Amino acid sequence: MSLKTVATETVAFLENGRYVSDAGDTVQFLPEQQTAVAGTRLYTPAELHALLANQPVARERSRLQPQVWLWKLPVAGDGRGGWSDGSRRDE
């Protein structure tokens, strides 16, 4: 299966909130997806820098600190496999 086909199917799954497994079962995930999106915040680079600059040193952090997750996002048509550093989704 080509990467284009995988990407097209993935977008369709996300838009529909469901997919059909290899066993033929329909897997519904729309409510969970909507909850995840509603609870997600996008930080601008400046906001993230300010947030991280105000964090206490590691030894003083409580186990209840908010978590910050960063993802590298694909850049379409960049000639490097779609990702900013040239890697592919399946690497």
N, C-alpha and C. Protein backbone atom coordinates (compact mmCIF):
# COMPACT_ATOMS: atom_id res chain seq x y z
N MET A 1 0.85 -1.18 0.00
CA MET A 1 0.00 0.00 0.00
C MET A 1 0.90 1.24 0.00
N SER A 2 0.59 2.20 -0.84
CA SER A 2 1.41 3.40 -0.94
C SER A 2 1.16 4.33 0.25
N LEU A 3 2.12 5.21 0.49
CA LEU A 3 1.96 6.19 1.57
C LEU A 3 0.78 7.11 1.30
N LYS A 4 0.54 7.42 0.03
CA LYS A 4 -0.60 8.28 -0.31
C LYS A 4 -1.90 7.59 0.06
N THR A 5 -2.01 6.28 -0.19
CA THR A 5 -3.22 5.53 0.15
C THR A 5 -3.40 5.49 1.67
N VAL A 6 -2.31 5.24 2.39
CA VAL A 6 -2.38 5.21 3.86
C VAL A 6 -2.84 6.57 4.39
N ALA A 7 -2.28 7.64 3.84
CA ALA A 7 -2.66 8.98 4.29
C ALA A 7 -4.12 9.28 3.99
N THR A 8 -4.58 8.92 2.80
CA THR A 8 -5.97 9.15 2.41
C THR A 8 -6.93 8.38 3.32
N GLU A 9 -6.60 7.11 3.60
CA GLU A 9 -7.45 6.31 4.48
C GLU A 9 -7.44 6.87 5.91
N THR A 10 -6.30 7.33 6.37
CA THR A 10 -6.20 7.88 7.73
C THR A 10 -7.07 9.13 7.86
N VAL A 11 -7.01 10.00 6.88
CA VAL A 11 -7.84 11.22 6.90
C VAL A 11 -9.32 10.84 6.90
N ALA A 12 -9.69 9.85 6.10
CA ALA A 12 -11.09 9.40 6.06
C ALA A 12 -11.51 8.85 7.42
N PHE A 13 -10.65 8.06 8.06
CA PHE A 13 -10.98 7.52 9.40
C PHE A 13 -11.23 8.66 10.38
N LEU A 14 -10.34 9.65 10.36
CA LEU A 14 -10.46 10.77 11.30
C LEU A 14 -11.70 11.60 11.03
N GLU A 15 -12.03 11.81 9.77
CA GLU A 15 -13.22 12.59 9.43
C GLU A 15 -14.50 11.86 9.82
N ASN A 16 -14.50 10.52 9.70
CA ASN A 16 -15.68 9.72 10.00
C ASN A 16 -15.77 9.30 11.46
N GLY A 17 -14.65 9.32 12.17
CA GLY A 17 -14.65 8.89 13.57
C GLY A 17 -14.83 7.39 13.74
N ARG A 18 -14.49 6.64 12.70
CA ARG A 18 -14.61 5.19 12.77
C ARG A 18 -13.81 4.56 11.64
N TYR A 19 -13.53 3.27 11.80
CA TYR A 19 -12.89 2.51 10.74
C TYR A 19 -13.31 1.06 10.87
N VAL A 20 -13.07 0.28 9.84
CA VAL A 20 -13.39 -1.14 9.84
C VAL A 20 -12.09 -1.90 10.03
N SER A 21 -12.04 -2.74 11.07
CA SER A 21 -10.83 -3.50 11.36
C SER A 21 -10.63 -4.62 10.34
N ASP A 22 -9.47 -5.26 10.40
CA ASP A 22 -9.19 -6.39 9.51
C ASP A 22 -10.18 -7.54 9.72
N ALA A 23 -10.74 -7.62 10.93
CA ALA A 23 -11.71 -8.67 11.25
C ALA A 23 -13.12 -8.31 10.76
N GLY A 24 -13.28 -7.09 10.23
CA GLY A 24 -14.58 -6.68 9.72
C GLY A 24 -15.44 -5.94 10.74
N ASP A 25 -14.90 -5.70 11.92
CA ASP A 25 -15.64 -4.98 12.96
C ASP A 25 -15.48 -3.47 12.76
N THR A 26 -16.56 -2.72 12.98
CA THR A 26 -16.48 -1.27 12.93
C THR A 26 -16.03 -0.77 14.29
N VAL A 27 -14.97 0.02 14.29
CA VAL A 27 -14.42 0.59 15.53
C VAL A 27 -14.78 2.07 15.55
N GLN A 28 -15.60 2.46 16.52
CA GLN A 28 -16.05 3.84 16.68
C GLN A 28 -15.11 4.56 17.65
N PHE A 29 -14.65 5.75 17.30
CA PHE A 29 -13.80 6.51 18.22
C PHE A 29 -14.11 8.01 18.21
N LEU A 30 -15.20 8.40 17.57
CA LEU A 30 -15.53 9.82 17.45
C LEU A 30 -15.67 10.52 18.80
N PRO A 31 -16.41 9.96 19.79
CA PRO A 31 -16.52 10.68 21.07
C PRO A 31 -15.16 10.90 21.74
N GLU A 32 -14.30 9.89 21.69
CA GLU A 32 -12.98 10.02 22.29
C GLU A 32 -12.14 11.06 21.55
N GLN A 33 -12.27 11.08 20.22
CA GLN A 33 -11.54 12.04 19.41
C GLN A 33 -12.01 13.46 19.73
N GLN A 34 -13.32 13.64 19.84
CA GLN A 34 -13.85 14.97 20.14
C GLN A 34 -13.42 15.45 21.53
N THR A 35 -13.38 14.55 22.50
CA THR A 35 -12.91 14.89 23.84
C THR A 35 -11.45 15.30 23.81
N ALA A 36 -10.64 14.55 23.05
CA ALA A 36 -9.22 14.87 22.95
C ALA A 36 -9.01 16.23 22.30
N VAL A 37 -9.75 16.52 21.24
CA VAL A 37 -9.61 17.81 20.56
C VAL A 37 -10.05 18.94 21.48
N ALA A 38 -11.15 18.76 22.19
CA ALA A 38 -11.65 19.80 23.09
C ALA A 38 -10.67 20.09 24.22
N GLY A 39 -9.90 19.08 24.63
CA GLY A 39 -8.95 19.25 25.73
C GLY A 39 -7.54 19.59 25.29
N THR A 40 -7.38 19.94 24.01
CA THR A 40 -6.05 20.22 23.47
C THR A 40 -5.86 21.72 23.31
N ARG A 41 -4.69 22.20 23.64
CA ARG A 41 -4.37 23.61 23.47
C ARG A 41 -3.13 23.73 22.60
N LEU A 42 -3.18 24.58 21.61
CA LEU A 42 -2.04 24.85 20.75
C LEU A 42 -1.31 26.07 21.28
N TYR A 43 -0.05 25.89 21.62
CA TYR A 43 0.77 27.00 22.10
C TYR A 43 1.60 27.55 20.95
N THR A 44 1.64 28.87 20.84
CA THR A 44 2.55 29.49 19.88
C THR A 44 3.96 29.30 20.42
N PRO A 45 4.99 29.45 19.58
CA PRO A 45 6.35 29.33 20.09
C PRO A 45 6.63 30.27 21.27
N ALA A 46 6.13 31.49 21.20
CA ALA A 46 6.36 32.45 22.29
C ALA A 46 5.67 32.00 23.58
N GLU A 47 4.44 31.50 23.47
CA GLU A 47 3.72 31.02 24.65
C GLU A 47 4.42 29.81 25.27
N LEU A 48 4.88 28.91 24.43
CA LEU A 48 5.58 27.73 24.92
C LEU A 48 6.87 28.12 25.61
N HIS A 49 7.60 29.04 25.02
CA HIS A 49 8.86 29.50 25.63
C HIS A 49 8.58 30.10 27.01
N ALA A 50 7.55 30.94 27.11
CA ALA A 50 7.21 31.55 28.40
C ALA A 50 6.76 30.50 29.41
N LEU A 51 5.99 29.53 28.96
CA LEU A 51 5.53 28.46 29.85
C LEU A 51 6.71 27.67 30.40
N LEU A 52 7.62 27.29 29.53
CA LEU A 52 8.76 26.49 29.96
C LEU A 52 9.74 27.30 30.79
N ALA A 53 9.86 28.59 30.52
CA ALA A 53 10.77 29.44 31.29
C ALA A 53 10.30 29.60 32.72
N ASN A 54 9.01 29.47 32.96
CA ASN A 54 8.46 29.65 34.31
C ASN A 54 8.35 28.35 35.10
N GLN A 55 8.83 27.25 34.54
CA GLN A 55 8.76 25.96 35.23
C GLN A 55 9.83 25.91 36.32
N PRO A 56 9.51 25.32 37.48
CA PRO A 56 10.53 25.14 38.52
C PRO A 56 11.57 24.12 38.05
N VAL A 57 12.73 24.11 38.71
CA VAL A 57 13.76 23.14 38.34
C VAL A 57 13.23 21.74 38.55
N ALA A 58 13.80 20.77 37.85
CA ALA A 58 13.28 19.40 37.81
C ALA A 58 13.12 18.80 39.20
N ARG A 59 14.06 19.01 40.11
CA ARG A 59 13.97 18.37 41.42
C ARG A 59 12.83 18.92 42.28
N GLU A 60 12.29 20.08 41.92
CA GLU A 60 11.20 20.68 42.69
C GLU A 60 9.82 20.41 42.09
N ARG A 61 9.78 19.77 40.95
CA ARG A 61 8.50 19.54 40.29
C ARG A 61 7.68 18.51 41.04
N SER A 62 6.39 18.78 41.13
CA SER A 62 5.49 17.79 41.70
C SER A 62 5.10 16.80 40.62
N ARG A 63 4.59 15.65 41.01
CA ARG A 63 4.19 14.65 40.02
C ARG A 63 2.91 15.05 39.30
N LEU A 64 2.28 16.15 39.70
CA LEU A 64 1.03 16.58 39.08
C LEU A 64 1.24 17.73 38.09
N GLN A 65 2.50 18.00 37.71
CA GLN A 65 2.78 19.06 36.74
C GLN A 65 2.08 18.77 35.41
N PRO A 66 1.60 19.79 34.72
CA PRO A 66 1.05 19.57 33.38
C PRO A 66 2.15 19.04 32.46
N GLN A 67 1.75 18.26 31.50
CA GLN A 67 2.70 17.72 30.55
C GLN A 67 2.63 18.52 29.26
N VAL A 68 3.77 18.71 28.63
CA VAL A 68 3.85 19.40 27.36
C VAL A 68 4.36 18.40 26.33
N TRP A 69 3.61 18.19 25.27
CA TRP A 69 3.98 17.25 24.22
C TRP A 69 4.23 18.02 22.95
N LEU A 70 5.29 17.67 22.25
CA LEU A 70 5.62 18.32 20.99
C LEU A 70 5.67 17.28 19.89
N TRP A 71 5.11 17.60 18.75
CA TRP A 71 5.14 16.70 17.60
C TRP A 71 5.75 17.44 16.43
N LYS A 72 6.45 16.69 15.59
CA LYS A 72 6.89 17.28 14.33
C LYS A 72 5.78 17.03 13.32
N LEU A 73 5.43 18.04 12.56
CA LEU A 73 4.31 17.95 11.64
C LEU A 73 4.80 17.84 10.21
N PRO A 74 4.06 17.12 9.37
CA PRO A 74 4.47 16.98 7.97
C PRO A 74 4.35 18.29 7.22
N VAL A 75 5.24 18.48 6.28
CA VAL A 75 5.22 19.65 5.41
C VAL A 75 5.02 19.12 3.99
N ALA A 76 3.84 19.31 3.47
CA ALA A 76 3.50 18.74 2.17
C ALA A 76 4.37 19.31 1.06
N GLY A 77 4.80 18.43 0.16
CA GLY A 77 5.53 18.85 -1.02
C GLY A 77 6.91 19.39 -0.78
N ASP A 78 7.51 19.02 0.34
CA ASP A 78 8.84 19.56 0.63
C ASP A 78 9.96 18.71 0.04
N GLY A 79 9.63 17.55 -0.56
CA GLY A 79 10.64 16.71 -1.19
C GLY A 79 11.46 15.90 -0.22
N ARG A 80 11.08 15.89 1.06
CA ARG A 80 11.84 15.15 2.07
C ARG A 80 10.95 14.15 2.79
N GLY A 81 10.06 13.52 2.07
CA GLY A 81 9.22 12.51 2.69
C GLY A 81 8.03 13.07 3.44
N GLY A 82 7.82 14.37 3.39
CA GLY A 82 6.67 14.98 4.03
C GLY A 82 6.93 15.50 5.43
N TRP A 83 8.05 15.13 6.05
CA TRP A 83 8.35 15.59 7.41
C TRP A 83 9.50 16.58 7.35
N SER A 84 9.54 17.49 8.29
CA SER A 84 10.50 18.58 8.25
C SER A 84 11.94 18.10 8.28
N ASP A 85 12.21 16.91 8.85
CA ASP A 85 13.59 16.42 8.88
C ASP A 85 13.84 15.31 7.88
N GLY A 86 12.87 15.04 7.00
CA GLY A 86 13.03 14.02 5.96
C GLY A 86 12.62 12.63 6.37
N SER A 87 12.21 12.44 7.63
CA SER A 87 11.79 11.10 8.05
C SER A 87 10.39 10.81 7.56
N ARG A 88 9.99 9.56 7.69
CA ARG A 88 8.66 9.14 7.28
C ARG A 88 7.91 8.64 8.48
N ARG A 89 6.59 8.57 8.38
CA ARG A 89 5.73 8.16 9.45
C ARG A 89 6.08 6.77 9.96
N ASP A 90 6.55 5.89 9.09
CA ASP A 90 6.78 4.51 9.46
C ASP A 90 8.20 4.21 9.88
N GLU A 91 9.01 5.25 10.10
CA GLU A 91 10.39 5.03 10.53
C GLU A 91 10.47 4.91 12.04
